[in-house]
Structure formats: structure tokens, C-alpha cells
Amino acid sequence: GVESERCPSFYMARKADRPAYTPSNSTLADGLAVPMVGYN
């Protein structure tokens, strides 16, 4: 899996072992700028 450094929401979810809010900054990969991954 690959994320932008501007919004590494899955990386943060793995650290927390659950979807967790991640601050999102403007990014070229705007389609990936989801501050919290889905529960499902």
C-alpha cells in the first residue's frame, strides 16, 4: 500500500490499531487525502 506523506491515514490507523484521525494537508494526490480510513 502507498500513501502520500501529506495524509498517511492508514499508517496512523496501523499504529493505533484502529482507524484514527490524521491531519490532512494539501497534496498532489488529492484523491488519497482521506484523514481517516474506513472501518470496514
Full PDB file with SEQRES, HELIX, SHEET, SSBOND, CRYST1, ORIGX, SCALE, CONECT and MASTER records, all heavy atoms in Angstrom:
SEQRES   1 A   40  GLY VAL GLU SER GLU ARG CYS PRO SER PHE TYR MET ALA          
SEQRES   2 A   40  ARG LYS ALA ASP ARG PRO ALA TYR THR PRO SER ASN SER          
SEQRES   3 A   40  THR LEU ALA ASP GLY LEU ALA VAL PRO MET VAL GLY TYR          
SEQRES   4 A   40  ASN                                                          
HELIX    1 AA1 SER A    9  ALA A   16  1                                   8    
HELIX    2 AA2 ASP A   30  LEU A   32  5                                   3    
CRYST1    1.000    1.000    1.000  90.00  90.00  90.00 P 1           1          
ORIGX1      1.000000  0.000000  0.000000        0.00000                         
ORIGX2      0.000000  1.000000  0.000000        0.00000                         
ORIGX3      0.000000  0.000000  1.000000        0.00000                         
SCALE1      1.000000  0.000000  0.000000        0.00000                         
SCALE2      0.000000  1.000000  0.000000        0.00000                         
SCALE3      0.000000  0.000000  1.000000        0.00000                         
ATOM      1  N   GLY A   1       0.831  -1.197   0.000  1.00  0.00           N  
ATOM      2  CA  GLY A   1       0.000   0.000   0.000  1.00  0.00           C  
ATOM      3  C   GLY A   1       0.865   1.246   0.000  1.00  0.00           C  
ATOM      4  O   GLY A   1       1.929   1.266   0.620  1.00  0.00           O  
ATOM      5  N   VAL A   2       0.420   2.280  -0.705  1.00  0.00           N  
ATOM      6  CA  VAL A   2       1.192   3.526  -0.803  1.00  0.00           C  
ATOM      7  C   VAL A   2       0.307   4.720  -0.453  1.00  0.00           C  
ATOM      8  O   VAL A   2      -0.819   4.834  -0.951  1.00  0.00           O  
ATOM      9  CB  VAL A   2       1.788   3.724  -2.216  1.00  0.00           C  
ATOM     10  CG1 VAL A   2       2.685   4.957  -2.249  1.00  0.00           C  
ATOM     11  CG2 VAL A   2       2.568   2.499  -2.648  1.00  0.00           C  
ATOM     12  N   GLU A   3       0.833   5.594   0.394  1.00  0.00           N  
ATOM     13  CA  GLU A   3       0.132   6.814   0.785  1.00  0.00           C  
ATOM     14  C   GLU A   3       1.031   8.024   0.577  1.00  0.00           C  
ATOM     15  O   GLU A   3       2.260   7.902   0.548  1.00  0.00           O  
ATOM     16  CB  GLU A   3      -0.257   6.766   2.261  1.00  0.00           C  
ATOM     17  CG  GLU A   3      -1.213   5.676   2.644  1.00  0.00           C  
ATOM     18  CD  GLU A   3      -1.548   5.723   4.115  1.00  0.00           C  
ATOM     19  OE1 GLU A   3      -0.675   5.393   4.940  1.00  0.00           O  
ATOM     20  OE2 GLU A   3      -2.683   6.104   4.447  1.00  0.00           O  
ATOM     21  N   SER A   4       0.424   9.205   0.484  1.00  0.00           N  
ATOM     22  CA  SER A   4       1.189  10.442   0.459  1.00  0.00           C  
ATOM     23  C   SER A   4       1.575  10.825   1.880  1.00  0.00           C  
ATOM     24  O   SER A   4       0.817  10.602   2.827  1.00  0.00           O  
ATOM     25  CB  SER A   4       0.348  11.572  -0.159  1.00  0.00           C  
ATOM     26  OG  SER A   4       0.931  12.839   0.120  1.00  0.00           O  
ATOM     27  N   GLU A   5       2.763  11.416   2.026  1.00  0.00           N  
ATOM     28  CA  GLU A   5       3.204  11.870   3.346  1.00  0.00           C  
ATOM     29  C   GLU A   5       2.281  12.952   3.905  1.00  0.00           C  
ATOM     30  O   GLU A   5       2.259  13.201   5.108  1.00  0.00           O  
ATOM     31  CB  GLU A   5       4.624  12.422   3.267  1.00  0.00           C  
ATOM     32  CG  GLU A   5       4.746  13.670   2.399  1.00  0.00           C  
ATOM     33  CD  GLU A   5       6.125  14.300   2.458  1.00  0.00           C  
ATOM     34  OE1 GLU A   5       6.920  13.904   3.332  1.00  0.00           O  
ATOM     35  OE2 GLU A   5       6.394  15.199   1.640  1.00  0.00           O  
ATOM     36  N   ARG A   6       1.489  13.595   3.040  1.00  0.00           N  
ATOM     37  CA  ARG A   6       0.600  14.663   3.487  1.00  0.00           C  
ATOM     38  C   ARG A   6      -0.639  14.146   4.194  1.00  0.00           C  
ATOM     39  O   ARG A   6      -1.340  14.915   4.846  1.00  0.00           O  
ATOM     40  CB  ARG A   6       0.191  15.526   2.289  1.00  0.00           C  
ATOM     41  CG  ARG A   6       1.336  16.235   1.586  1.00  0.00           C  
ATOM     42  CD  ARG A   6       2.022  17.236   2.498  1.00  0.00           C  
ATOM     43  NE  ARG A   6       3.044  17.994   1.821  1.00  0.00           N  
ATOM     44  CZ  ARG A   6       2.827  19.173   1.241  1.00  0.00           C  
ATOM     45  NH1 ARG A   6       1.614  19.703   1.255  1.00  0.00           N  
ATOM     46  NH2 ARG A   6       3.813  19.806   0.653  1.00  0.00           N  
ATOM     47  N   CYS A   7      -0.938  12.847   4.057  1.00  0.00           N  
ATOM     48  CA  CYS A   7      -2.109  12.288   4.735  1.00  0.00           C  
ATOM     49  C   CYS A   7      -1.954  10.771   4.889  1.00  0.00           C  
ATOM     50  O   CYS A   7      -2.669  10.001   4.240  1.00  0.00           O  
ATOM     51  CB  CYS A   7      -3.383  12.626   3.970  1.00  0.00           C  
ATOM     52  SG  CYS A   7      -4.903  12.178   4.858  1.00  0.00           S  
ATOM     53  N   PRO A   8      -1.038  10.317   5.747  1.00  0.00           N  
ATOM     54  CA  PRO A   8      -0.799   8.869   5.900  1.00  0.00           C  
ATOM     55  C   PRO A   8      -1.798   8.225   6.860  1.00  0.00           C  
ATOM     56  O   PRO A   8      -1.439   7.709   7.918  1.00  0.00           O  
ATOM     57  CB  PRO A   8       0.634   8.834   6.459  1.00  0.00           C  
ATOM     58  CG  PRO A   8       0.726  10.084   7.283  1.00  0.00           C  
ATOM     59  CD  PRO A   8      -0.124  11.126   6.567  1.00  0.00           C  
ATOM     60  N   SER A   9      -3.061   8.215   6.481  1.00  0.00           N  
ATOM     61  CA  SER A   9      -4.109   7.784   7.401  1.00  0.00           C  
ATOM     62  C   SER A   9      -4.066   6.281   7.715  1.00  0.00           C  
ATOM     63  O   SER A   9      -4.382   5.870   8.830  1.00  0.00           O  
ATOM     64  CB  SER A   9      -5.487   8.170   6.853  1.00  0.00           C  
ATOM     65  OG  SER A   9      -5.669   7.689   5.542  1.00  0.00           O  
ATOM     66  N   PHE A  10      -3.678   5.451   6.744  1.00  0.00           N  
ATOM     67  CA  PHE A  10      -3.609   4.010   7.027  1.00  0.00           C  
ATOM     68  C   PHE A  10      -2.413   3.707   7.931  1.00  0.00           C  
ATOM     69  O   PHE A  10      -2.488   2.858   8.817  1.00  0.00           O  
ATOM     70  CB  PHE A  10      -3.516   3.198   5.730  1.00  0.00           C  
ATOM     71  CG  PHE A  10      -4.084   1.814   5.852  1.00  0.00           C  
ATOM     72  CD1 PHE A  10      -5.357   1.534   5.361  1.00  0.00           C  
ATOM     73  CD2 PHE A  10      -3.385   0.800   6.466  1.00  0.00           C  
ATOM     74  CE1 PHE A  10      -5.904   0.253   5.486  1.00  0.00           C  
ATOM     75  CE2 PHE A  10      -3.920  -0.467   6.591  1.00  0.00           C  
ATOM     76  CZ  PHE A  10      -5.181  -0.749   6.098  1.00  0.00           C  
ATOM     77  N   TYR A  11      -1.330   4.410   7.713  1.00  0.00           N  
ATOM     78  CA  TYR A  11      -0.156   4.255   8.581  1.00  0.00           C  
ATOM     79  C   TYR A  11      -0.524   4.580  10.027  1.00  0.00           C  
ATOM     80  O   TYR A  11      -0.175   3.839  10.961  1.00  0.00           O  
ATOM     81  CB  TYR A  11       0.964   5.177   8.092  1.00  0.00           C  
ATOM     82  CG  TYR A  11       2.151   5.261   9.024  1.00  0.00           C  
ATOM     83  CD1 TYR A  11       3.116   4.265   9.051  1.00  0.00           C  
ATOM     84  CD2 TYR A  11       2.301   6.352   9.881  1.00  0.00           C  
ATOM     85  CE1 TYR A  11       4.205   4.342   9.908  1.00  0.00           C  
ATOM     86  CE2 TYR A  11       3.382   6.446  10.735  1.00  0.00           C  
ATOM     87  CZ  TYR A  11       4.331   5.439  10.749  1.00  0.00           C  
ATOM     88  OH  TYR A  11       5.400   5.525  11.607  1.00  0.00           O  
ATOM     89  N   MET A  12      -1.264   5.680  10.218  1.00  0.00           N  
ATOM     90  CA  MET A  12      -1.680   6.067  11.565  1.00  0.00           C  
ATOM     91  C   MET A  12      -2.693   5.076  12.133  1.00  0.00           C  
ATOM     92  O   MET A  12      -2.693   4.797  13.343  1.00  0.00           O  
ATOM     93  CB  MET A  12      -2.285   7.480  11.543  1.00  0.00           C  
ATOM     94  CG  MET A  12      -1.304   8.569  11.130  1.00  0.00           C  
ATOM     95  SD  MET A  12       0.180   8.636  12.164  1.00  0.00           S  
ATOM     96  CE  MET A  12      -0.538   9.126  13.732  1.00  0.00           C  
ATOM     97  N   ALA A  13      -3.537   4.519  11.280  1.00  0.00           N  
ATOM     98  CA  ALA A  13      -4.501   3.523  11.743  1.00  0.00           C  
ATOM     99  C   ALA A  13      -3.786   2.271  12.241  1.00  0.00           C  
ATOM    100  O   ALA A  13      -4.175   1.679  13.265  1.00  0.00           O  
ATOM    101  CB  ALA A  13      -5.471   3.173  10.616  1.00  0.00           C  
ATOM    102  N   ARG A  14      -2.731   1.878  11.551  1.00  0.00           N  
ATOM    103  CA  ARG A  14      -1.974   0.708  11.992  1.00  0.00           C  
ATOM    104  C   ARG A  14      -1.290   0.965  13.334  1.00  0.00           C  
ATOM    105  O   ARG A  14      -1.220   0.082  14.195  1.00  0.00           O  
ATOM    106  CB  ARG A  14      -0.929   0.322  10.939  1.00  0.00           C  
ATOM    107  CG  ARG A  14      -1.482  -0.574   9.860  1.00  0.00           C  
ATOM    108  CD  ARG A  14      -0.379  -1.234   9.061  1.00  0.00           C  
ATOM    109  NE  ARG A  14      -0.884  -2.423   8.382  1.00  0.00           N  
ATOM    110  CZ  ARG A  14      -0.158  -3.195   7.597  1.00  0.00           C  
ATOM    111  NH1 ARG A  14       1.120  -2.897   7.382  1.00  0.00           N  
ATOM    112  NH2 ARG A  14      -0.673  -4.246   7.021  1.00  0.00           N  
ATOM    113  N   LYS A  15      -0.783   2.161  13.515  1.00  0.00           N  
ATOM    114  CA  LYS A  15      -0.143   2.498  14.788  1.00  0.00           C  
ATOM    115  C   LYS A  15      -1.153   2.442  15.930  1.00  0.00           C  
ATOM    116  O   LYS A  15      -0.838   1.998  17.033  1.00  0.00           O  
ATOM    117  CB  LYS A  15       0.489   3.890  14.716  1.00  0.00           C  
ATOM    118  CG  LYS A  15       1.770   3.953  13.898  1.00  0.00           C  
ATOM    119  CD  LYS A  15       2.430   5.316  13.993  1.00  0.00           C  
ATOM    120  CE  LYS A  15       2.954   5.568  15.392  1.00  0.00           C  
ATOM    121  NZ  LYS A  15       3.728   6.835  15.472  1.00  0.00           N  
ATOM    122  N   ALA A  16      -2.363   2.912  15.651  1.00  0.00           N  
ATOM    123  CA  ALA A  16      -3.407   2.951  16.680  1.00  0.00           C  
ATOM    124  C   ALA A  16      -4.197   1.643  16.754  1.00  0.00           C  
ATOM    125  O   ALA A  16      -5.001   1.465  17.672  1.00  0.00           O  
ATOM    126  CB  ALA A  16      -4.358   4.107  16.410  1.00  0.00           C  
ATOM    127  N   ASP A  17      -4.000   0.756  15.781  1.00  0.00           N  
ATOM    128  CA  ASP A  17      -4.738  -0.499  15.661  1.00  0.00           C  
ATOM    129  C   ASP A  17      -6.231  -0.261  15.462  1.00  0.00           C  
ATOM    130  O   ASP A  17      -7.056  -1.086  15.832  1.00  0.00           O  
ATOM    131  CB  ASP A  17      -4.500  -1.395  16.882  1.00  0.00           C  
ATOM    132  CG  ASP A  17      -4.867  -2.858  16.586  1.00  0.00           C  
ATOM    133  OD1 ASP A  17      -4.707  -3.277  15.428  1.00  0.00           O  
ATOM    134  OD2 ASP A  17      -5.323  -3.558  17.508  1.00  0.00           O  
ATOM    135  N   ARG A  18      -6.566   0.889  14.900  1.00  0.00           N  
ATOM    136  CA  ARG A  18      -7.955   1.221  14.576  1.00  0.00           C  
ATOM    137  C   ARG A  18      -7.927   2.489  13.733  1.00  0.00           C  
ATOM    138  O   ARG A  18      -6.978   3.261  13.800  1.00  0.00           O  
ATOM    139  CB  ARG A  18      -8.789   1.483  15.836  1.00  0.00           C  
ATOM    140  CG  ARG A  18      -8.260   2.620  16.692  1.00  0.00           C  
ATOM    141  CD  ARG A  18      -9.062   2.810  17.969  1.00  0.00           C  
ATOM    142  NE  ARG A  18     -10.368   3.363  17.702  1.00  0.00           N  
ATOM    143  CZ  ARG A  18     -10.610   4.656  17.594  1.00  0.00           C  
ATOM    144  NH1 ARG A  18      -9.637   5.552  17.716  1.00  0.00           N  
ATOM    145  NH2 ARG A  18     -11.830   5.081  17.359  1.00  0.00           N  
ATOM    146  N   PRO A  19      -8.938   2.720  12.892  1.00  0.00           N  
ATOM    147  CA  PRO A  19      -8.970   3.969  12.143  1.00  0.00           C  
ATOM    148  C   PRO A  19      -8.889   5.168  13.080  1.00  0.00           C  
ATOM    149  O   PRO A  19      -9.625   5.248  14.073  1.00  0.00           O  
ATOM    150  CB  PRO A  19     -10.327   3.907  11.434  1.00  0.00           C  
ATOM    151  CG  PRO A  19     -10.598   2.445  11.275  1.00  0.00           C  
ATOM    152  CD  PRO A  19     -10.059   1.824  12.529  1.00  0.00           C  
ATOM    153  N   ALA A  20      -7.965   6.064  12.776  1.00  0.00           N  
ATOM    154  CA  ALA A  20      -7.740   7.214  13.648  1.00  0.00           C  
ATOM    155  C   ALA A  20      -7.617   8.472  12.800  1.00  0.00           C  
ATOM    156  O   ALA A  20      -7.110   8.437  11.678  1.00  0.00           O  
ATOM    157  CB  ALA A  20      -6.469   7.009  14.483  1.00  0.00           C  
ATOM    158  N   TYR A  21      -8.062   9.574  13.343  1.00  0.00           N  
ATOM    159  CA  TYR A  21      -7.997  10.840  12.618  1.00  0.00           C  
ATOM    160  C   TYR A  21      -6.548  11.231  12.355  1.00  0.00           C  
ATOM    161  O   TYR A  21      -5.696  11.179  13.236  1.00  0.00           O  
ATOM    162  CB  TYR A  21      -8.708  11.937  13.398  1.00  0.00           C  
ATOM    163  CG  TYR A  21      -8.483  13.310  12.797  1.00  0.00           C  
ATOM    164  CD1 TYR A  21      -9.043  13.641  11.568  1.00  0.00           C  
ATOM    165  CD2 TYR A  21      -7.694  14.257  13.442  1.00  0.00           C  
ATOM    166  CE1 TYR A  21      -8.835  14.870  10.999  1.00  0.00           C  
ATOM    167  CE2 TYR A  21      -7.472  15.500  12.877  1.00  0.00           C  
ATOM    168  CZ  TYR A  21      -8.049  15.807  11.658  1.00  0.00           C  
ATOM    169  OH  TYR A  21      -7.828  17.038  11.084  1.00  0.00           O  
ATOM    170  N   THR A  22      -6.273  11.629  11.117  1.00  0.00           N  
ATOM    171  CA  THR A  22      -4.942  12.056  10.701  1.00  0.00           C  
ATOM    172  C   THR A  22      -5.051  13.431  10.041  1.00  0.00           C  
ATOM    173  O   THR A  22      -5.815  13.590   9.086  1.00  0.00           O  
ATOM    174  CB  THR A  22      -4.351  11.061   9.677  1.00  0.00           C  
ATOM    175  OG1 THR A  22      -4.335   9.757  10.241  1.00  0.00           O  
ATOM    176  CG2 THR A  22      -2.928  11.453   9.292  1.00  0.00           C  
ATOM    177  N   PRO A  23      -4.313  14.414  10.527  1.00  0.00           N  
ATOM    178  CA  PRO A  23      -4.363  15.739   9.884  1.00  0.00           C  
ATOM    179  C   PRO A  23      -4.000  15.632   8.409  1.00  0.00           C  
ATOM    180  O   PRO A  23      -3.066  14.932   8.030  1.00  0.00           O  
ATOM    181  CB  PRO A  23      -3.310  16.547  10.661  1.00  0.00           C  
ATOM    182  CG  PRO A  23      -3.200  15.857  11.975  1.00  0.00           C  
ATOM    183  CD  PRO A  23      -3.425  14.404  11.694  1.00  0.00           C  
ATOM    184  N   SER A  24      -4.770  16.302   7.576  1.00  0.00           N  
ATOM    185  CA  SER A  24      -4.569  16.239   6.131  1.00  0.00           C  
ATOM    186  C   SER A  24      -4.106  17.581   5.604  1.00  0.00           C  
ATOM    187  O   SER A  24      -4.704  18.613   5.922  1.00  0.00           O  
ATOM    188  CB  SER A  24      -5.877  15.832   5.445  1.00  0.00           C  
ATOM    189  OG  SER A  24      -5.734  15.852   4.045  1.00  0.00           O  
ATOM    190  N   ASN A  25      -3.030  17.573   4.837  1.00  0.00           N  
ATOM    191  CA  ASN A  25      -2.530  18.777   4.192  1.00  0.00           C  
ATOM    192  C   ASN A  25      -2.759  18.685   2.690  1.00  0.00           C  
ATOM    193  O   ASN A  25      -2.971  17.594   2.149  1.00  0.00           O  
ATOM    194  CB  ASN A  25      -1.039  18.962   4.490  1.00  0.00           C  
ATOM    195  CG  ASN A  25      -0.755  19.088   5.973  1.00  0.00           C  
ATOM    196  OD1 ASN A  25      -1.284  19.967   6.637  1.00  0.00           O  
ATOM    197  ND2 ASN A  25       0.074  18.202   6.504  1.00  0.00           N  
ATOM    198  N   SER A  26      -2.704  19.811   2.005  1.00  0.00           N  
ATOM    199  CA  SER A  26      -2.885  19.800   0.559  1.00  0.00           C  
ATOM    200  C   SER A  26      -1.837  18.910  -0.088  1.00  0.00           C  
ATOM    201  O   SER A  26      -0.678  18.900   0.310  1.00  0.00           O  
ATOM    202  CB  SER A  26      -2.789  21.226   0.006  1.00  0.00           C  
ATOM    203  OG  SER A  26      -1.524  21.792   0.306  1.00  0.00           O  
ATOM    204  N   THR A  27      -2.266  18.157  -1.089  1.00  0.00           N  
ATOM    205  CA  THR A  27      -1.375  17.181  -1.708  1.00  0.00           C  
ATOM    206  C   THR A  27      -1.693  17.027  -3.185  1.00  0.00           C  
ATOM    207  O   THR A  27      -2.836  17.236  -3.613  1.00  0.00           O  
ATOM    208  CB  THR A  27      -1.500  15.806  -1.009  1.00  0.00           C  
ATOM    209  OG1 THR A  27      -0.817  14.802  -1.769  1.00  0.00           O  
ATOM    210  CG2 THR A  27      -2.948  15.391  -0.850  1.00  0.00           C  
ATOM    211  N   LEU A  28      -0.684  16.649  -3.964  1.00  0.00           N  
ATOM    212  CA  LEU A  28      -0.894  16.337  -5.372  1.00  0.00           C  
ATOM    213  C   LEU A  28      -1.801  15.119  -5.519  1.00  0.00           C  
ATOM    214  O   LEU A  28      -2.522  14.988  -6.502  1.00  0.00           O  
ATOM    215  CB  LEU A  28       0.449  16.062  -6.057  1.00  0.00           C  
ATOM    216  CG  LEU A  28       1.435  17.231  -6.151  1.00  0.00           C  
ATOM    217  CD1 LEU A  28       2.736  16.759  -6.777  1.00  0.00           C  
ATOM    218  CD2 LEU A  28       0.838  18.373  -6.954  1.00  0.00           C  
ATOM    219  N   ALA A  29      -1.761  14.246  -4.529  1.00  0.00           N  
ATOM    220  CA  ALA A  29      -2.617  13.055  -4.531  1.00  0.00           C  
ATOM    221  C   ALA A  29      -3.893  13.366  -3.758  1.00  0.00           C  
ATOM    222  O   ALA A  29      -4.203  12.734  -2.743  1.00  0.00           O  
ATOM    223  CB  ALA A  29      -1.875  11.873  -3.918  1.00  0.00           C  
ATOM    224  N   ASP A  30      -4.673  14.340  -4.246  1.00  0.00           N  
ATOM    225  CA  ASP A  30      -5.859  14.777  -3.511  1.00  0.00           C  
ATOM    226  C   ASP A  30      -6.881  13.665  -3.354  1.00  0.00           C  
ATOM    227  O   ASP A  30      -7.654  13.641  -2.399  1.00  0.00           O  
ATOM    228  CB  ASP A  30      -6.480  16.002  -4.177  1.00  0.00           C  
ATOM    229  CG  ASP A  30      -6.873  15.755  -5.627  1.00  0.00           C  
ATOM    230  OD1 ASP A  30      -6.198  14.956  -6.295  1.00  0.00           O  
ATOM    231  OD2 ASP A  30      -7.840  16.370  -6.097  1.00  0.00           O  
ATOM    232  N   GLY A  31      -6.898  12.707  -4.270  1.00  0.00           N  
ATOM    233  CA  GLY A  31      -7.827  11.588  -4.163  1.00  0.00           C  
ATOM    234  C   GLY A  31      -7.522  10.670  -2.993  1.00  0.00           C  
ATOM    235  O   GLY A  31      -8.365   9.853  -2.607  1.00  0.00           O  
ATOM    236  N   LEU A  32      -6.317  10.789  -2.411  1.00  0.00           N  
ATOM    237  CA  LEU A  32      -5.935   9.957  -1.269  1.00  0.00           C  
ATOM    238  C   LEU A  32      -6.049  10.710   0.050  1.00  0.00           C  
ATOM    239  O   LEU A  32      -5.772  10.146   1.106  1.00  0.00           O  
ATOM    240  CB  LEU A  32      -4.487   9.452  -1.427  1.00  0.00           C  
ATOM    241  CG  LEU A  32      -4.141   8.694  -2.712  1.00  0.00           C  
ATOM    242  CD1 LEU A  32      -2.720   8.173  -2.637  1.00  0.00           C  
ATOM    243  CD2 LEU A  32      -5.120   7.551  -2.952  1.00  0.00           C  
ATOM    244  N   ALA A  33      -6.451  11.969   0.001  1.00  0.00           N  
ATOM    245  CA  ALA A  33      -6.478  12.803   1.207  1.00  0.00           C  
ATOM    246  C   ALA A  33      -7.731  12.532   2.031  1.00  0.00           C  
ATOM    247  O   ALA A  33      -8.604  13.379   2.190  1.00  0.00           O  
ATOM    248  CB  ALA A  33      -6.389  14.273   0.820  1.00  0.00           C  
ATOM    249  N   VAL A  34      -7.805  11.325   2.565  1.00  0.00           N  
ATOM    250  CA  VAL A  34      -8.909  10.929   3.448  1.00  0.00           C  
ATOM    251  C   VAL A  34      -8.332  10.807   4.852  1.00  0.00           C  
ATOM    252  O   VAL A  34      -7.572   9.861   5.129  1.00  0.00           O  
ATOM    253  CB  VAL A  34      -9.532   9.591   2.999  1.00  0.00           C  
ATOM    254  CG1 VAL A  34     -10.672   9.195   3.927  1.00  0.00           C  
ATOM    255  CG2 VAL A  34     -10.012   9.687   1.561  1.00  0.00           C  
ATOM    256  N   PRO A  35      -8.640  11.726   5.759  1.00  0.00           N  
ATOM    257  CA  PRO A  35      -7.983  11.756   7.068  1.00  0.00           C  
ATOM    258  C   PRO A  35      -8.265  10.559   7.964  1.00  0.00           C  
ATOM    259  O   PRO A  35      -7.582  10.380   8.957  1.00  0.00           O  
ATOM    260  CB  PRO A  35      -8.514  13.047   7.703  1.00  0.00           C  
ATOM    261  CG  PRO A  35      -8.902  13.893   6.548  1.00  0.00           C  
ATOM    262  CD  PRO A  35      -9.452  12.929   5.544  1.00  0.00           C  
ATOM    263  N   MET A  36      -9.272   9.762   7.657  1.00  0.00           N  
ATOM    264  CA  MET A  36      -9.492   8.551   8.436  1.00  0.00           C  
ATOM    265  C   MET A  36      -9.987   7.438   7.528  1.00  0.00           C  
ATOM    266  O   MET A  36     -10.978   7.598   6.821  1.00  0.00           O  
ATOM    267  CB  MET A  36     -10.501   8.779   9.560  1.00  0.00           C  
ATOM    268  CG  MET A  36     -10.527   7.621  10.550  1.00  0.00           C  
ATOM    269  SD  MET A  36     -11.454   7.983  12.043  1.00  0.00           S  
ATOM    270  CE  MET A  36     -13.113   7.879  11.431  1.00  0.00           C  
ATOM    271  N   VAL A  37      -9.267   6.328   7.523  1.00  0.00           N  
ATOM    272  CA  VAL A  37      -9.668   5.207   6.669  1.00  0.00           C  
ATOM    273  C   VAL A  37     -10.983   4.628   7.167  1.00  0.00           C  
ATOM    274  O   VAL A  37     -11.363   4.791   8.331  1.00  0.00           O  
ATOM    275  CB  VAL A  37      -8.581   4.105   6.637  1.00  0.00           C  
ATOM    276  CG1 VAL A  37      -7.285   4.642   6.052  1.00  0.00           C  
ATOM    277  CG2 VAL A  37      -8.332   3.530   8.024  1.00  0.00           C  
ATOM    278  N   GLY A  38     -11.675   3.937   6.284  1.00  0.00           N  
ATOM    279  CA  GLY A  38     -12.973   3.373   6.637  1.00  0.00           C  
ATOM    280  C   GLY A  38     -12.859   2.215   7.618  1.00  0.00           C  
ATOM    281  O   GLY A  38     -11.889   1.459   7.614  1.00  0.00           O  
ATOM    282  N   TYR A  39     -13.883   2.071   8.462  1.00  0.00           N  
ATOM    283  CA  TYR A  39     -13.891   0.984   9.441  1.00  0.00           C  
ATOM    284  C   TYR A  39     -13.934  -0.373   8.758  1.00  0.00           C  
ATOM    285  O   TYR A  39     -13.168  -1.289   9.102  1.00  0.00           O  
ATOM    286  CB  TYR A  39     -15.105   1.129  10.370  1.00  0.00           C  
ATOM    287  CG  TYR A  39     -15.122   2.406  11.159  1.00  0.00           C  
ATOM    288  CD1 TYR A  39     -16.220   3.267  11.106  1.00  0.00           C  
ATOM    289  CD2 TYR A  39     -14.044   2.759  11.961  1.00  0.00           C  
ATOM    290  CE1 TYR A  39     -16.243   4.442  11.839  1.00  0.00           C  
ATOM    291  CE2 TYR A  39     -14.060   3.931  12.695  1.00  0.00           C  
ATOM    292  CZ  TYR A  39     -15.157   4.773  12.629  1.00  0.00           C  
ATOM    293  OH  TYR A  39     -15.171   5.943  13.346  1.00  0.00           O  
ATOM    294  N   ASN A  40     -14.810  -0.521   7.782  1.00  0.00           N  
ATOM    295  CA  ASN A  40     -14.920  -1.793   7.063  1.00  0.00           C  
ATOM    296  C   ASN A  40     -13.662  -2.069   6.234  1.00  0.00           C  
ATOM    297  O   ASN A  40     -13.185  -3.201   6.161  1.00  0.00           O  
ATOM    298  CB  ASN A  40     -16.138  -1.776   6.142  1.00  0.00           C  
ATOM    299  CG  ASN A  40     -17.434  -1.512   6.894  1.00  0.00           C  
ATOM    300  OD1 ASN A  40     -17.585  -1.918   8.039  1.00  0.00           O  
ATOM    301  ND2 ASN A  40     -18.371  -0.826   6.245  1.00  0.00           N  
TER     302      ASN A  40                                                      
MASTER        0    0    0    2    0    0    0    6  301    1    0    4          
END                                                                             
